[in-house]
């Protein structure tokens, strides 16, 4: 029962993270992985089939989100470096 409760709590937290803005979501996902996947594997989640489908969809969606977020952050860093370089040369 404890494993099921932990699994449902993890799924609900992941659902909540999905509703946050980009920066909070990215940071929240890192904390979520640390909390739920560092000491345990995803195969230890004890969920019903419908909940497993939700978890699977959220995993895929969040992987794509993190890839996009990483690229956007990289582009922002490049622009910041350009502005810093321009400002120091003026």
PDB file of N, CA and C in Angstrom:
ATOM      1  N   UNK A   1       0.824  -1.196   0.000  1.00  0.00           N
ATOM      2  CA  UNK A   1       0.000   0.000   0.000  1.00  0.00           C
ATOM      3  C   UNK A   1       0.867   1.259   0.000  1.00  0.00           C
ATOM      4  N   UNK A   2       1.977   1.202   0.725  1.00  0.00           N
ATOM      5  CA  UNK A   2       2.869   2.367   0.777  1.00  0.00           C
ATOM      6  C   UNK A   2       3.427   2.685  -0.607  1.00  0.00           C
ATOM      7  N   UNK A   3       3.783   1.646  -1.349  1.00  0.00           N
ATOM      8  CA  UNK A   3       4.326   1.843  -2.697  1.00  0.00           C
ATOM      9  C   UNK A   3       3.274   2.455  -3.615  1.00  0.00           C
ATOM     10  N   UNK A   4       2.045   1.997  -3.493  1.00  0.00           N
ATOM     11  CA  UNK A   4       0.952   2.548  -4.308  1.00  0.00           C
ATOM     12  C   UNK A   4       0.719   4.016  -3.963  1.00  0.00           C
ATOM     13  N   UNK A   5       0.689   4.344  -2.676  1.00  0.00           N
ATOM     14  CA  UNK A   5       0.496   5.733  -2.254  1.00  0.00           C
ATOM     15  C   UNK A   5       1.614   6.622  -2.794  1.00  0.00           C
ATOM     16  N   UNK A   6       2.848   6.142  -2.704  1.00  0.00           N
ATOM     17  CA  UNK A   6       3.991   6.904  -3.211  1.00  0.00           C
ATOM     18  C   UNK A   6       3.878   7.089  -4.720  1.00  0.00           C
ATOM     19  N   UNK A   7       3.425   6.067  -5.409  1.00  0.00           N
ATOM     20  CA  UNK A   7       3.268   6.132  -6.864  1.00  0.00           C
ATOM     21  C   UNK A   7       2.190   7.139  -7.259  1.00  0.00           C
ATOM     22  N   UNK A   8       1.059   7.106  -6.556  1.00  0.00           N
ATOM     23  CA  UNK A   8      -0.021   8.063  -6.845  1.00  0.00           C
ATOM     24  C   UNK A   8       0.410   9.491  -6.532  1.00  0.00           C
ATOM     25  N   UNK A   9       1.151   9.661  -5.440  1.00  0.00           N
ATOM     26  CA  UNK A   9       1.651  10.986  -5.089  1.00  0.00           C
ATOM     27  C   UNK A   9       2.603  11.492  -6.176  1.00  0.00           C
ATOM     28  N   UNK A  10       3.472  10.620  -6.652  1.00  0.00           N
ATOM     29  CA  UNK A  10       4.398  11.005  -7.719  1.00  0.00           C
ATOM     30  C   UNK A  10       3.670  11.382  -8.990  1.00  0.00           C
ATOM     31  N   UNK A  11       2.644  10.616  -9.365  1.00  0.00           N
ATOM     32  CA  UNK A  11       1.854  10.928 -10.560  1.00  0.00           C
ATOM     33  C   UNK A  11       1.147  12.264 -10.392  1.00  0.00           C
ATOM     34  N   UNK A  12       0.545  12.496  -9.241  1.00  0.00           N
ATOM     35  CA  UNK A  12      -0.158  13.760  -9.011  1.00  0.00           C
ATOM     36  C   UNK A  12       0.794  14.956  -9.032  1.00  0.00           C
ATOM     37  N   UNK A  13       1.980  14.779  -8.496  1.00  0.00           N
ATOM     38  CA  UNK A  13       2.974  15.861  -8.549  1.00  0.00           C
ATOM     39  C   UNK A  13       3.384  16.139  -9.995  1.00  0.00           C
ATOM     40  N   UNK A  14       3.531  15.100 -10.777  1.00  0.00           N
ATOM     41  CA  UNK A  14       3.898  15.271 -12.184  1.00  0.00           C
ATOM     42  C   UNK A  14       2.780  15.978 -12.950  1.00  0.00           C
ATOM     43  N   UNK A  15       1.547  15.654 -12.646  1.00  0.00           N
ATOM     44  CA  UNK A  15       0.398  16.337 -13.265  1.00  0.00           C
ATOM     45  C   UNK A  15       0.418  17.812 -12.893  1.00  0.00           C
ATOM     46  N   UNK A  16       0.690  18.098 -11.623  1.00  0.00           N
ATOM     47  CA  UNK A  16       0.763  19.499 -11.179  1.00  0.00           C
ATOM     48  C   UNK A  16       1.898  20.248 -11.878  1.00  0.00           C
ATOM     49  N   UNK A  17       3.048  19.625 -11.993  1.00  0.00           N
ATOM     50  CA  UNK A  17       4.194  20.265 -12.645  1.00  0.00           C
ATOM     51  C   UNK A  17       3.867  20.640 -14.090  1.00  0.00           C
ATOM     52  N   UNK A  18       3.034  19.859 -14.721  1.00  0.00           N
ATOM     53  CA  UNK A  18       2.653  20.091 -16.103  1.00  0.00           C
ATOM     54  C   UNK A  18       1.914  21.417 -16.278  1.00  0.00           C
ATOM     55  N   UNK A  19       1.354  21.947 -15.199  1.00  0.00           N
ATOM     56  CA  UNK A  19       0.578  23.187 -15.286  1.00  0.00           C
ATOM     57  C   UNK A  19       1.397  24.444 -14.988  1.00  0.00           C
ATOM     58  N   UNK A  20       2.651  24.291 -14.606  1.00  0.00           N
ATOM     59  CA  UNK A  20       3.484  25.436 -14.224  1.00  0.00           C
ATOM     60  C   UNK A  20       4.105  26.116 -15.438  1.00  0.00           C
ATOM     61  N   UNK A  21       4.620  27.334 -15.230  1.00  0.00           N
ATOM     62  CA  UNK A  21       5.319  28.018 -16.321  1.00  0.00           C
ATOM     63  C   UNK A  21       6.674  27.353 -16.552  1.00  0.00           C
ATOM     64  N   UNK A  22       7.324  27.711 -17.627  1.00  0.00           N
ATOM     65  CA  UNK A  22       8.510  26.989 -18.108  1.00  0.00           C
ATOM     66  C   UNK A  22       9.620  26.828 -17.076  1.00  0.00           C
ATOM     67  N   UNK A  23      10.044  27.923 -16.465  1.00  0.00           N
ATOM     68  CA  UNK A  23      11.170  27.829 -15.535  1.00  0.00           C
ATOM     69  C   UNK A  23      10.822  27.016 -14.295  1.00  0.00           C
ATOM     70  N   UNK A  24       9.629  27.269 -13.731  1.00  0.00           N
ATOM     71  CA  UNK A  24       9.208  26.510 -12.553  1.00  0.00           C
ATOM     72  C   UNK A  24       9.028  25.035 -12.900  1.00  0.00           C
ATOM     73  N   UNK A  25       8.507  24.777 -14.087  1.00  0.00           N
ATOM     74  CA  UNK A  25       8.291  23.398 -14.520  1.00  0.00           C
ATOM     75  C   UNK A  25       9.618  22.660 -14.662  1.00  0.00           C
ATOM     76  N   UNK A  26      10.592  23.296 -15.300  1.00  0.00           N
ATOM     77  CA  UNK A  26      11.899  22.659 -15.489  1.00  0.00           C
ATOM     78  C   UNK A  26      12.554  22.357 -14.147  1.00  0.00           C
ATOM     79  N   UNK A  27      12.535  23.316 -13.243  1.00  0.00           N
ATOM     80  CA  UNK A  27      13.131  23.097 -11.925  1.00  0.00           C
ATOM     81  C   UNK A  27      12.362  22.032 -11.149  1.00  0.00           C
ATOM     82  N   UNK A  28      11.047  22.066 -11.266  1.00  0.00           N
ATOM     83  CA  UNK A  28      10.215  21.074 -10.592  1.00  0.00           C
ATOM     84  C   UNK A  28      10.458  19.672 -11.107  1.00  0.00           C
ATOM     85  N   UNK A  29      10.673  19.546 -12.406  1.00  0.00           N
ATOM     86  CA  UNK A  29      10.936  18.228 -12.989  1.00  0.00           C
ATOM     87  C   UNK A  29      12.259  17.657 -12.482  1.00  0.00           C
ATOM     88  N   UNK A  30      13.242  18.521 -12.319  1.00  0.00           N
ATOM     89  CA  UNK A  30      14.531  18.064 -11.775  1.00  0.00           C
ATOM     90  C   UNK A  30      14.329  17.548 -10.351  1.00  0.00           C
ATOM     91  N   UNK A  31      13.579  18.306  -9.541  1.00  0.00           N
ATOM     92  CA  UNK A  31      13.307  17.865  -8.162  1.00  0.00           C
ATOM     93  C   UNK A  31      12.494  16.569  -8.156  1.00  0.00           C
ATOM     94  N   UNK A  32      11.533  16.452  -9.081  1.00  0.00           N
ATOM     95  CA  UNK A  32      10.698  15.259  -9.160  1.00  0.00           C
ATOM     96  C   UNK A  32      11.552  14.030  -9.461  1.00  0.00           C
ATOM     97  N   UNK A  33      12.444  14.148 -10.428  1.00  0.00           N
ATOM     98  CA  UNK A  33      13.321  13.022 -10.777  1.00  0.00           C
ATOM     99  C   UNK A  33      14.201  12.655  -9.588  1.00  0.00           C
ATOM    100  N   UNK A  34      14.756  13.657  -8.915  1.00  0.00           N
ATOM    101  CA  UNK A  34      15.582  13.383  -7.734  1.00  0.00           C
ATOM    102  C   UNK A  34      14.783  12.641  -6.661  1.00  0.00           C
ATOM    103  N   UNK A  35      13.545  13.044  -6.476  1.00  0.00           N
ATOM    104  CA  UNK A  35      12.711  12.468  -5.428  1.00  0.00           C
ATOM    105  C   UNK A  35      12.222  11.061  -5.763  1.00  0.00           C
ATOM    106  N   UNK A  36      11.811  10.845  -7.014  1.00  0.00           N
ATOM    107  CA  UNK A  36      11.146   9.592  -7.355  1.00  0.00           C
ATOM    108  C   UNK A  36      11.992   8.605  -8.164  1.00  0.00           C
ATOM    109  N   UNK A  37      13.040   9.056  -8.792  1.00  0.00           N
ATOM    110  CA  UNK A  37      13.783   8.140  -9.659  1.00  0.00           C
ATOM    111  C   UNK A  37      15.251   7.963  -9.289  1.00  0.00           C
ATOM    112  N   UNK A  38      15.731   8.668  -8.290  1.00  0.00           N
ATOM    113  CA  UNK A  38      17.127   8.531  -7.905  1.00  0.00           C
ATOM    114  C   UNK A  38      17.367   7.222  -7.160  1.00  0.00           C
ATOM    115  N   UNK A  39      16.523   6.929  -6.184  1.00  0.00           N
ATOM    116  CA  UNK A  39      16.700   5.708  -5.382  1.00  0.00           C
ATOM    117  C   UNK A  39      15.852   4.553  -5.885  1.00  0.00           C
ATOM    118  N   UNK A  40      14.871   4.853  -6.719  1.00  0.00           N
ATOM    119  CA  UNK A  40      13.952   3.835  -7.223  1.00  0.00           C
ATOM    120  C   UNK A  40      13.884   3.935  -8.744  1.00  0.00           C
ATOM    121  N   UNK A  41      13.409   2.883  -9.377  1.00  0.00           N
ATOM    122  CA  UNK A  41      13.236   2.921 -10.827  1.00  0.00           C
ATOM    123  C   UNK A  41      11.763   3.125 -11.156  1.00  0.00           C
ATOM    124  N   UNK A  42      11.517   3.489 -12.383  1.00  0.00           N
ATOM    125  CA  UNK A  42      10.142   3.712 -12.818  1.00  0.00           C
ATOM    126  C   UNK A  42       9.337   2.417 -12.755  1.00  0.00           C
ATOM    127  N   UNK A  43       9.996   1.284 -12.877  1.00  0.00           N
ATOM    128  CA  UNK A  43       9.282   0.003 -12.827  1.00  0.00           C
ATOM    129  C   UNK A  43       8.738  -0.303 -11.430  1.00  0.00           C
ATOM    130  N   UNK A  44       9.176   0.444 -10.431  1.00  0.00           N
ATOM    131  CA  UNK A  44       8.677   0.250  -9.072  1.00  0.00           C
ATOM    132  C   UNK A  44       7.394   1.021  -8.795  1.00  0.00           C
ATOM    133  N   UNK A  45       6.937   1.826  -9.762  1.00  0.00           N
ATOM    134  CA  UNK A  45       5.672   2.530  -9.600  1.00  0.00           C
ATOM    135  C   UNK A  45       4.547   1.500  -9.632  1.00  0.00           C
ATOM    136  N   UNK A  46       3.626   1.592  -8.694  1.00  0.00           N
ATOM    137  CA  UNK A  46       2.506   0.658  -8.588  1.00  0.00           C
ATOM    138  C   UNK A  46       1.223   1.407  -8.942  1.00  0.00           C
ATOM    139  N   UNK A  47       0.902   1.410 -10.225  1.00  0.00           N
ATOM    140  CA  UNK A  47      -0.264   2.150 -10.710  1.00  0.00           C
ATOM    141  C   UNK A  47      -1.148   1.255 -11.563  1.00  0.00           C
ATOM    142  N   UNK A  48      -2.409   1.643 -11.651  1.00  0.00           N
ATOM    143  CA  UNK A  48      -3.327   0.940 -12.543  1.00  0.00           C
ATOM    144  C   UNK A  48      -2.996   1.332 -13.976  1.00  0.00           C
ATOM    145  N   UNK A  49      -3.527   0.572 -14.919  1.00  0.00           N
ATOM    146  CA  UNK A  49      -3.211   0.776 -16.327  1.00  0.00           C
ATOM    147  C   UNK A  49      -3.506   2.199 -16.789  1.00  0.00           C
ATOM    148  N   UNK A  50      -4.641   2.749 -16.427  1.00  0.00           N
ATOM    149  CA  UNK A  50      -4.979   4.113 -16.864  1.00  0.00           C
ATOM    150  C   UNK A  50      -3.992   5.128 -16.301  1.00  0.00           C
ATOM    151  N   UNK A  51      -3.578   4.927 -15.045  1.00  0.00           N
ATOM    152  CA  UNK A  51      -2.594   5.827 -14.442  1.00  0.00           C
ATOM    153  C   UNK A  51      -1.217   5.650 -15.073  1.00  0.00           C
ATOM    154  N   UNK A  52      -0.876   4.418 -15.427  1.00  0.00           N
ATOM    155  CA  UNK A  52       0.398   4.176 -16.111  1.00  0.00           C
ATOM    156  C   UNK A  52       0.425   4.861 -17.474  1.00  0.00           C
ATOM    157  N   UNK A  53      -0.717   4.876 -18.156  1.00  0.00           N
ATOM    158  CA  UNK A  53      -0.795   5.577 -19.443  1.00  0.00           C
ATOM    159  C   UNK A  53      -0.590   7.076 -19.263  1.00  0.00           C
ATOM    160  N   UNK A  54      -1.217   7.645 -18.211  1.00  0.00           N
ATOM    161  CA  UNK A  54      -1.025   9.071 -17.917  1.00  0.00           C
ATOM    162  C   UNK A  54       0.450   9.354 -17.634  1.00  0.00           C
ATOM    163  N   UNK A  55       1.051   8.488 -16.815  1.00  0.00           N
ATOM    164  CA  UNK A  55       2.459   8.660 -16.462  1.00  0.00           C
ATOM    165  C   UNK A  55       3.335   8.593 -17.706  1.00  0.00           C
ATOM    166  N   UNK A  56       3.048   7.654 -18.571  1.00  0.00           N
ATOM    167  CA  UNK A  56       3.809   7.506 -19.814  1.00  0.00           C
ATOM    168  C   UNK A  56       3.679   8.738 -20.691  1.00  0.00           C
ATOM    169  N   UNK A  57       2.458   9.238 -20.845  1.00  0.00           N
ATOM    170  CA  UNK A  57       2.233  10.443 -21.655  1.00  0.00           C
ATOM    171  C   UNK A  57       2.962  11.641 -21.069  1.00  0.00           C
ATOM    172  N   UNK A  58       2.895  11.784 -19.747  1.00  0.00           N
ATOM    173  CA  UNK A  58       3.577  12.905 -19.098  1.00  0.00           C
ATOM    174  C   UNK A  58       5.084  12.788 -19.220  1.00  0.00           C
ATOM    175  N   UNK A  59       5.616  11.575 -19.144  1.00  0.00           N
ATOM    176  CA  UNK A  59       7.047  11.372 -19.326  1.00  0.00           C
ATOM    177  C   UNK A  59       7.479  11.858 -20.695  1.00  0.00           C
ATOM    178  N   UNK A  60       6.781  11.396 -21.724  1.00  0.00           N
ATOM    179  CA  UNK A  60       7.132  11.783 -23.090  1.00  0.00           C
ATOM    180  C   UNK A  60       6.995  13.298 -23.268  1.00  0.00           C
ATOM    181  N   UNK A  61       5.884  13.835 -22.799  1.00  0.00           N
ATOM    182  CA  UNK A  61       5.631  15.273 -22.927  1.00  0.00           C
ATOM    183  C   UNK A  61       6.716  16.082 -22.216  1.00  0.00           C
ATOM    184  N   UNK A  62       7.121  15.641 -21.036  1.00  0.00           N
ATOM    185  CA  UNK A  62       8.121  16.383 -20.274  1.00  0.00           C
ATOM    186  C   UNK A  62       9.527  16.209 -20.836  1.00  0.00           C
ATOM    187  N   UNK A  63       9.815  15.071 -21.428  1.00  0.00           N
ATOM    188  CA  UNK A  63      11.108  14.908 -22.102  1.00  0.00           C
ATOM    189  C   UNK A  63      11.205  15.895 -23.264  1.00  0.00           C
ATOM    190  N   UNK A  64      10.133  15.997 -24.039  1.00  0.00           N
ATOM    191  CA  UNK A  64      10.127  16.939 -25.161  1.00  0.00           C
ATOM    192  C   UNK A  64      10.216  18.382 -24.644  1.00  0.00           C
ATOM    193  N   UNK A  65       9.492  18.668 -23.565  1.00  0.00           N
ATOM    194  CA  UNK A  65       9.546  20.001 -22.974  1.00  0.00           C
ATOM    195  C   UNK A  65      10.968  20.340 -22.543  1.00  0.00           C
ATOM    196  N   UNK A  66      11.638  19.402 -21.860  1.00  0.00           N
ATOM    197  CA  UNK A  66      12.994  19.679 -21.378  1.00  0.00           C
ATOM    198  C   UNK A  66      13.979  19.870 -22.522  1.00  0.00           C
ATOM    199  N   UNK A  67      13.804  19.133 -23.607  1.00  0.00           N
ATOM    200  CA  UNK A  67      14.659  19.338 -24.785  1.00  0.00           C
ATOM    201  C   UNK A  67      14.460  20.737 -25.342  1.00  0.00           C
ATOM    202  N   UNK A  68      13.201  21.158 -25.477  1.00  0.00           N
ATOM    203  CA  UNK A  68      12.905  22.501 -25.985  1.00  0.00           C
ATOM    204  C   UNK A  68      13.398  23.581 -25.023  1.00  0.00           C
ATOM    205  N   UNK A  69      13.193  23.350 -23.737  1.00  0.00           N
ATOM    206  CA  UNK A  69      13.620  24.320 -22.725  1.00  0.00           C
ATOM    207  C   UNK A  69      15.141  24.473 -22.741  1.00  0.00           C
ATOM    208  N   UNK A  70      15.834  23.368 -22.890  1.00  0.00           N
ATOM    209  CA  UNK A  70      17.297  23.402 -22.960  1.00  0.00           C
ATOM    210  C   UNK A  70      17.749  24.228 -24.164  1.00  0.00           C
ATOM    211  N   UNK A  71      17.122  24.009 -25.306  1.00  0.00           N
ATOM    212  CA  UNK A  71      17.488  24.754 -26.517  1.00  0.00           C
ATOM    213  C   UNK A  71      17.175  26.239 -26.356  1.00  0.00           C
ATOM    214  N   UNK A  72      16.018  26.562 -25.796  1.00  0.00           N
ATOM    215  CA  UNK A  72      15.662  27.970 -25.573  1.00  0.00           C
ATOM    216  C   UNK A  72      16.636  28.638 -24.616  1.00  0.00           C
ATOM    217  N   UNK A  73      17.020  27.943 -23.573  1.00  0.00           N
ATOM    218  CA  UNK A  73      17.978  28.485 -22.613  1.00  0.00           C
ATOM    219  C   UNK A  73      19.337  28.692 -23.274  1.00  0.00           C
ATOM    220  N   UNK A  74      19.727  27.768 -24.134  1.00  0.00           N
ATOM    221  CA  UNK A  74      20.996  27.900 -24.857  1.00  0.00           C
ATOM    222  C   UNK A  74      20.969  29.128 -25.760  1.00  0.00           C
ATOM    223  N   UNK A  75      19.859  29.333 -26.466  1.00  0.00           N
ATOM    224  CA  UNK A  75      19.727  30.493 -27.348  1.00  0.00           C
ATOM    225  C   UNK A  75      19.760  31.801 -26.546  1.00  0.00           C
ATOM    226  N   UNK A  76      19.095  31.811 -25.391  1.00  0.00           N
ATOM    227  CA  UNK A  76      19.118  33.000 -24.533  1.00  0.00           C
ATOM    228  C   UNK A  76      20.527  33.288 -24.040  1.00  0.00           C
ATOM    229  N   UNK A  77      21.271  32.260 -23.714  1.00  0.00           N
ATOM    230  CA  UNK A  77      22.648  32.423 -23.261  1.00  0.00           C
ATOM    231  C   UNK A  77      23.519  33.007 -24.375  1.00  0.00           C
ATOM    232  N   UNK A  78      23.329  32.531 -25.579  1.00  0.00           N
ATOM    233  CA  UNK A  78      24.078  33.063 -26.728  1.00  0.00           C
ATOM    234  C   UNK A  78      23.773  34.540 -26.918  1.00  0.00           C
ATOM    235  N   UNK A  79      22.493  34.898 -26.861  1.00  0.00           N
ATOM    236  CA  UNK A  79      22.105  36.303 -27.015  1.00  0.00           C
ATOM    237  C   UNK A  79      22.672  37.172 -25.893  1.00  0.00           C
ATOM    238  N   UNK A  80      22.670  36.640 -24.677  1.00  0.00           N
ATOM    239  CA  UNK A  80      23.219  37.383 -23.546  1.00  0.00           C
ATOM    240  C   UNK A  80      24.714  37.615 -23.727  1.00  0.00           C
ATOM    241  N   UNK A  81      25.421  36.595 -24.202  1.00  0.00           N
ATOM    242  CA  UNK A  81      26.858  36.742 -24.452  1.00  0.00           C
ATOM    243  C   UNK A  81      27.120  37.781 -25.535  1.00  0.00           C
ATOM    244  N   UNK A  82      26.291  37.790 -26.579  1.00  0.00           N
ATOM    245  CA  UNK A  82      26.443  38.789 -27.641  1.00  0.00           C
ATOM    246  C   UNK A  82      26.230  40.192 -27.098  1.00  0.00           C
ATOM    247  N   UNK A  83      25.200  40.369 -26.290  1.00  0.00           N
ATOM    248  CA  UNK A  83      24.928  41.681 -25.708  1.00  0.00           C
ATOM    249  C   UNK A  83      26.047  42.110 -24.765  1.00  0.00           C
ATOM    250  N   UNK A  84      26.552  41.184 -23.992  1.00  0.00           N
ATOM    251  CA  UNK A  84      27.644  41.490 -23.071  1.00  0.00           C
ATOM    252  C   UNK A  84      28.897  41.895 -23.857  1.00  0.00           C
ATOM    253  N   UNK A  85      29.173  41.160 -24.927  1.00  0.00           N
ATOM    254  CA  UNK A  85      30.317  41.485 -25.759  1.00  0.00           C
ATOM    255  C   UNK A  85      30.152  42.854 -26.408  1.00  0.00           C
ATOM    256  N   UNK A  86      28.957  43.139 -26.894  1.00  0.00           N
ATOM    257  CA  UNK A  86      28.672  44.422 -27.524  1.00  0.00           C
ATOM    258  C   UNK A  86      28.816  45.564 -26.526  1.00  0.00           C
ATOM    259  N   UNK A  87      28.302  45.346 -25.321  1.00  0.00           N
ATOM    260  CA  UNK A  87      28.351  46.376 -24.284  1.00  0.00           C
ATOM    261  C   UNK A  87      29.782  46.640 -23.834  1.00  0.00           C
ATOM    262  N   UNK A  88      30.603  45.614 -23.768  1.00  0.00           N
ATOM    263  CA  UNK A  88      31.983  45.806 -23.322  1.00  0.00           C
ATOM    264  C   UNK A  88      32.836  46.446 -24.406  1.00  0.00           C
ATOM    265  N   UNK A  89      32.445  46.313 -25.680  1.00  0.00           N
ATOM    266  CA  UNK A  89      33.192  46.916 -26.781  1.00  0.00           C
ATOM    267  C   UNK A  89      32.762  48.351 -27.064  1.00  0.00           C
ATOM    268  N   UNK A  90      31.682  48.799 -26.465  1.00  0.00           N
ATOM    269  CA  UNK A  90      31.177  50.162 -26.723  1.00  0.00           C
ATOM    270  C   UNK A  90      31.864  51.185 -25.886  1.00  0.00           C
TER     271      UNK A  90
END
